[in-house]
Amino acid sequence: MSTLQVILIALFIYLGAIGSIVGNTIGWYCLGRPLVASFVVGIIMGDVQTAMLVGVPLQIAYLANVTPGGAVAWDLSYATYVGTAMAIALKGTVGAGDAAALIGLAFTGAGIGGVVGGTMWNVHYALDVFINRWANKIAESGDAKKMWMPNMIGGCGIGFLCRFIPAVIVLSAINLGTNAGIAIPGWFTTGISAFGSMMAALGMGIILSFLVKKGVHWAIFLGGFVLVTYFGMSTMAVAVIAAIVAVIYYYVISKREEVA
């Protein structure tokens, strides 16, 4: 990665955060989504194919991630930007054709990024206590013209520093390791390949634990699995069948509730 690429990725790590200057709709709910974040990193680093290869499993793994009340236990935005950048930067050490190893690298980097992002989010929250006191003093003085200062200089400024600076440090460390020509041992490559293959399935399992509440739901899910795996049906064909089943299921349940 060049210095410019490091700065750009670190900038998007900030923009994809809750409360960034572009707002939550464009930031956390768009630029902060793993699939979008991976695509952005791919454009910046000139390897969209690898970025999307690792971005899809990252998106699936983090589908169940929620932020209740703004609490961030795992910063999926930070995790994805760092993980995707790491996978692309270290692609030459595991082989461009080893998809499982690349996904494993991405999840390894995502683990680092998620911890750093979550930690800095808590630091940001702690520093906001002083910003709130500053804002209260301005409000008590009745000087409405100065109310922008704690919001922009304090809130946005601290948010930027808490995400941008650590991101530059982490990405620079990855870049340093890449430029130093550090070779990844074979046993580690094997391990991260298995890890990368497992994480997407784990994410889907977490989603199913939220969505599947009745026995009939498992039957429908397994039916779709069989159609794809054993009958070789395309995604579009299965989607059409699923839509038909959903309509019939809704109609049957509605009629049953009317009778009851």
Protein backbone atom coordinates (compact mmCIF):
# COMPACT_ATOMS: atom_id res chain seq x y z
CA MET A 1 0.00 0.00 0.00
CA SER A 2 1.16 3.49 -0.78
CA THR A 3 0.93 6.32 1.75
CA LEU A 4 -1.99 7.78 -0.20
CA GLN A 5 -3.86 4.46 -0.09
CA VAL A 6 -3.30 4.19 3.68
CA ILE A 7 -4.66 7.73 4.19
CA LEU A 8 -7.68 7.14 1.95
CA ILE A 9 -8.64 3.85 3.65
CA ALA A 10 -8.18 5.45 7.09
CA LEU A 11 -10.40 8.34 5.97
CA PHE A 12 -13.16 5.96 4.90
CA ILE A 13 -12.80 4.11 8.22
CA TYR A 14 -13.79 7.40 9.84
CA LEU A 15 -16.55 8.19 7.34
CA GLY A 16 -18.08 4.73 7.87
CA ALA A 17 -18.50 5.29 11.61
CA ILE A 18 -21.54 6.17 13.71
CA GLY A 19 -21.69 9.95 14.02
CA SER A 20 -19.22 10.75 11.24
CA ILE A 21 -19.51 14.04 9.40
CA VAL A 22 -21.50 12.45 6.52
CA GLY A 23 -24.21 11.21 8.90
CA ASN A 24 -25.30 7.71 9.89
CA THR A 25 -27.31 6.98 6.73
CA ILE A 26 -24.37 7.51 4.38
CA GLY A 27 -21.74 6.59 6.97
CA TRP A 28 -22.55 3.67 9.29
CA TYR A 29 -25.45 2.24 7.25
CA CYS A 30 -23.75 2.55 3.85
CA LEU A 31 -19.98 3.06 3.93
CA GLY A 32 -19.82 1.05 7.14
CA ARG A 33 -21.38 -2.10 5.67
CA PRO A 34 -18.82 -4.83 4.98
CA LEU A 35 -19.79 -5.32 1.33
CA VAL A 36 -19.59 -1.59 0.58
CA ALA A 37 -16.42 -1.18 2.65
CA SER A 38 -14.71 -4.03 0.79
CA PHE A 39 -15.67 -2.51 -2.55
CA VAL A 40 -14.25 0.87 -1.51
CA VAL A 41 -10.96 -0.74 -0.41
CA GLY A 42 -10.84 -2.69 -3.67
CA ILE A 43 -11.16 0.52 -5.70
CA ILE A 44 -8.49 2.29 -3.62
CA MET A 45 -6.04 -0.64 -3.82
CA GLY A 46 -6.88 -1.53 -7.42
CA ASP A 47 -8.09 -5.08 -6.75
CA VAL A 48 -11.88 -5.13 -6.65
CA GLN A 49 -12.02 -8.87 -7.42
CA THR A 50 -10.12 -9.89 -4.27
CA ALA A 51 -11.97 -7.26 -2.25
CA MET A 52 -15.36 -8.71 -3.18
CA LEU A 53 -14.08 -12.27 -2.71
CA VAL A 54 -13.42 -11.52 0.96
CA GLY A 55 -16.18 -8.93 1.32
CA VAL A 56 -19.07 -11.35 0.82
CA PRO A 57 -18.00 -13.74 3.64
CA LEU A 58 -17.34 -10.74 5.90
CA GLN A 59 -20.83 -9.41 5.18
CA ILE A 60 -22.40 -12.79 5.92
CA ALA A 61 -20.40 -13.23 9.13
CA TYR A 62 -21.41 -9.80 10.45
CA LEU A 63 -25.07 -9.86 9.40
CA ALA A 64 -26.15 -10.45 12.99
CA ASN A 65 -24.08 -7.56 14.35
CA VAL A 66 -26.29 -4.96 16.05
CA THR A 67 -25.56 -1.71 17.88
CA PRO A 68 -28.28 -1.33 20.53
CA GLY A 69 -28.33 2.20 21.88
CA GLY A 70 -25.13 3.01 20.04
CA ALA A 71 -23.19 0.32 21.93
CA VAL A 72 -20.47 -1.12 19.70
CA ALA A 73 -19.09 -4.43 20.95
CA TRP A 74 -17.51 -5.20 17.59
CA ASP A 75 -16.82 -2.48 15.04
CA LEU A 76 -17.67 -4.23 11.78
CA SER A 77 -16.82 -1.14 9.72
CA TYR A 78 -13.31 -0.87 11.14
CA ALA A 79 -12.93 -4.65 10.94
CA THR A 80 -13.88 -4.85 7.27
CA TYR A 81 -11.69 -1.99 6.05
CA VAL A 82 -8.64 -3.37 7.85
CA GLY A 83 -9.41 -7.00 7.00
CA THR A 84 -9.92 -6.37 3.29
CA ALA A 85 -6.81 -4.19 3.07
CA MET A 86 -4.78 -6.89 4.81
CA ALA A 87 -6.05 -9.62 2.48
CA ILE A 88 -5.15 -7.61 -0.62
CA ALA A 89 -1.79 -6.45 0.74
CA LEU A 90 -0.69 -9.96 1.76
CA LYS A 91 -2.25 -11.76 -1.20
CA GLY A 92 1.15 -12.58 -2.66
CA THR A 93 2.21 -14.49 0.46
CA VAL A 94 -0.60 -17.07 0.28
CA GLY A 95 -1.30 -17.19 -3.45
CA ALA A 96 -3.93 -15.27 -5.36
CA GLY A 97 -5.85 -18.45 -6.17
CA ASP A 98 -6.22 -19.66 -2.58
CA ALA A 99 -9.64 -18.17 -1.81
CA ALA A 100 -9.95 -19.81 1.60
CA ALA A 101 -6.57 -18.44 2.70
CA LEU A 102 -7.45 -14.95 1.47
CA ILE A 103 -10.73 -15.06 3.40
CA GLY A 104 -8.81 -16.28 6.44
CA LEU A 105 -6.41 -13.35 6.11
CA ALA A 106 -9.36 -10.99 5.86
CA PHE A 107 -10.92 -12.37 9.04
CA THR A 108 -7.56 -12.19 10.82
CA GLY A 109 -7.24 -8.53 9.86
CA ALA A 110 -10.89 -8.00 10.73
CA GLY A 111 -10.21 -9.36 14.20
CA ILE A 112 -7.47 -6.78 14.69
CA GLY A 113 -9.58 -3.98 13.22
CA GLY A 114 -12.66 -4.94 15.22
CA VAL A 115 -10.79 -4.83 18.52
CA VAL A 116 -9.09 -1.52 17.70
CA GLY A 117 -12.35 0.01 16.47
CA GLY A 118 -14.35 -1.16 19.48
CA THR A 119 -11.68 0.11 21.88
CA MET A 120 -11.45 3.52 20.22
CA TRP A 121 -15.24 3.78 20.17
CA ASN A 122 -15.26 3.42 23.96
CA VAL A 123 -12.46 5.98 24.22
CA HIS A 124 -14.55 8.33 22.07
CA TYR A 125 -17.54 7.84 24.36
CA ALA A 126 -15.41 8.57 27.43
CA LEU A 127 -14.03 11.78 25.94
CA ASP A 128 -17.55 12.89 25.00
CA VAL A 129 -18.19 13.49 28.71
CA PHE A 130 -15.96 16.56 28.55
CA ILE A 131 -17.60 17.69 25.30
CA ASN A 132 -21.03 17.48 26.95
CA ARG A 133 -19.83 19.66 29.83
CA TRP A 134 -18.46 22.18 27.36
CA ALA A 135 -21.80 22.23 25.51
CA ASN A 136 -23.71 22.66 28.78
CA LYS A 137 -21.62 25.69 29.74
CA ILE A 138 -22.30 27.32 26.37
CA ALA A 139 -26.03 26.56 26.70
CA GLU A 140 -26.13 28.05 30.19
CA SER A 141 -24.43 31.21 28.95
CA GLY A 142 -27.12 31.61 26.28
CA ASP A 143 -24.58 32.11 23.50
CA ALA A 144 -26.28 30.07 20.75
CA LYS A 145 -23.71 31.15 18.13
CA LYS A 146 -21.04 29.04 19.86
CA MET A 147 -23.06 25.81 20.02
CA TRP A 148 -21.46 24.56 16.82
CA MET A 149 -18.06 24.41 18.53
CA PRO A 150 -18.61 21.39 20.83
CA ASN A 151 -20.44 19.56 18.01
CA MET A 152 -17.98 20.12 15.19
CA ILE A 153 -14.66 20.77 16.92
CA GLY A 154 -15.32 18.49 19.85
CA GLY A 155 -17.61 15.69 18.71
CA CYS A 156 -16.58 15.32 15.08
CA GLY A 157 -12.95 16.21 15.79
CA ILE A 158 -12.52 13.60 18.52
CA GLY A 159 -14.40 11.05 16.43
CA PHE A 160 -12.05 11.67 13.52
CA LEU A 161 -8.89 11.42 15.61
CA CYS A 162 -10.07 8.28 17.45
CA ARG A 163 -10.60 6.44 14.17
CA PHE A 164 -8.22 7.99 11.66
CA ILE A 165 -4.96 7.92 13.65
CA PRO A 166 -5.24 4.29 14.90
CA ALA A 167 -6.27 3.23 11.38
CA VAL A 168 -3.17 4.84 9.89
CA ILE A 169 -1.00 3.06 12.49
CA VAL A 170 -2.60 -0.36 11.88
CA LEU A 171 -2.52 -0.05 8.08
CA SER A 172 1.07 1.22 8.17
CA ALA A 173 2.06 -1.80 10.28
CA ILE A 174 0.49 -4.12 7.69
CA ASN A 175 2.26 -2.20 4.96
CA LEU A 176 5.57 -2.46 6.82
CA GLY A 177 5.20 -6.21 7.10
CA THR A 178 4.38 -6.50 3.40
CA ASN A 179 7.35 -4.38 2.31
CA ALA A 180 9.68 -6.33 4.61
CA GLY A 181 8.80 -9.47 2.69
CA ILE A 182 7.68 -11.41 5.76
CA ALA A 183 6.77 -14.94 4.69
CA ILE A 184 3.67 -16.56 6.19
CA PRO A 185 4.38 -20.13 7.40
CA GLY A 186 2.51 -22.97 5.75
CA TRP A 187 0.89 -24.09 9.01
CA PHE A 188 -0.52 -20.60 9.52
CA THR A 189 -1.89 -20.51 5.96
CA THR A 190 -3.60 -23.86 6.54
CA GLY A 191 -5.06 -22.59 9.80
CA ILE A 192 -6.46 -19.36 8.40
CA SER A 193 -7.87 -21.24 5.39
CA ALA A 194 -9.91 -23.42 7.74
CA PHE A 195 -10.82 -20.38 9.83
CA GLY A 196 -11.95 -18.41 6.78
CA SER A 197 -14.13 -21.27 5.58
CA MET A 198 -15.75 -21.56 9.01
CA MET A 199 -16.58 -17.91 9.72
CA ALA A 200 -19.13 -17.38 6.94
CA ALA A 201 -20.99 -20.52 8.07
CA LEU A 202 -20.86 -19.25 11.66
CA GLY A 203 -22.37 -15.92 10.63
CA MET A 204 -25.17 -17.67 8.75
CA GLY A 205 -25.80 -19.88 11.77
CA ILE A 206 -26.17 -16.83 14.01
CA ILE A 207 -28.65 -15.30 11.57
CA LEU A 208 -30.68 -18.52 11.47
CA SER A 209 -30.81 -18.59 15.27
CA PHE A 210 -32.62 -15.24 15.10
CA LEU A 211 -34.89 -15.99 12.14
CA VAL A 212 -35.82 -19.64 12.51
CA LYS A 213 -38.35 -19.97 15.32
CA LYS A 214 -40.54 -22.89 14.21
CA GLY A 215 -39.89 -26.38 12.91
CA VAL A 216 -41.50 -25.57 9.57
CA HIS A 217 -38.97 -22.78 9.05
CA TRP A 218 -36.13 -25.31 9.24
CA ALA A 219 -37.93 -27.46 6.66
CA ILE A 220 -38.15 -24.50 4.28
CA PHE A 221 -34.48 -23.62 4.80
CA LEU A 222 -33.34 -27.20 4.23
CA GLY A 223 -35.55 -27.40 1.16
CA GLY A 224 -33.71 -24.45 -0.38
CA PHE A 225 -30.36 -26.01 0.56
CA VAL A 226 -31.30 -29.28 -1.17
CA LEU A 227 -32.49 -27.47 -4.31
CA VAL A 228 -29.13 -25.71 -4.69
CA THR A 229 -26.78 -28.47 -3.52
CA TYR A 230 -28.34 -31.63 -4.98
CA PHE A 231 -30.49 -30.36 -7.84
CA GLY A 232 -28.06 -27.66 -8.99
CA MET A 233 -30.74 -24.98 -9.35
CA SER A 234 -29.68 -21.38 -9.90
CA THR A 235 -30.09 -18.69 -7.26
CA MET A 236 -32.80 -16.98 -9.31
CA ALA A 237 -34.84 -20.18 -9.65
CA VAL A 238 -34.60 -20.87 -5.90
CA ALA A 239 -35.56 -17.25 -5.17
CA VAL A 240 -38.71 -17.57 -7.30
CA ILE A 241 -39.65 -20.84 -5.57
CA ALA A 242 -38.98 -19.22 -2.18
CA ALA A 243 -41.26 -16.30 -3.05
CA ILE A 244 -44.06 -18.69 -4.03
CA VAL A 245 -43.61 -20.70 -0.81
CA ALA A 246 -43.59 -17.47 1.23
CA VAL A 247 -46.89 -16.32 -0.31
CA ILE A 248 -48.54 -19.71 0.27
CA TYR A 249 -47.20 -19.87 3.84
CA TYR A 250 -48.45 -16.36 4.61
CA TYR A 251 -51.88 -17.18 3.12
CA VAL A 252 -52.20 -20.39 5.15
CA ILE A 253 -51.12 -18.71 8.41
CA SER A 254 -53.48 -15.78 7.81
CA LYS A 255 -56.42 -18.11 7.22
CA ARG A 256 -55.56 -20.11 10.32
CA GLU A 257 -55.51 -16.93 12.45
CA GLU A 258 -58.88 -15.83 11.00
CA VAL A 259 -60.45 -19.15 11.92
CA ALA A 260 -58.98 -18.99 15.43
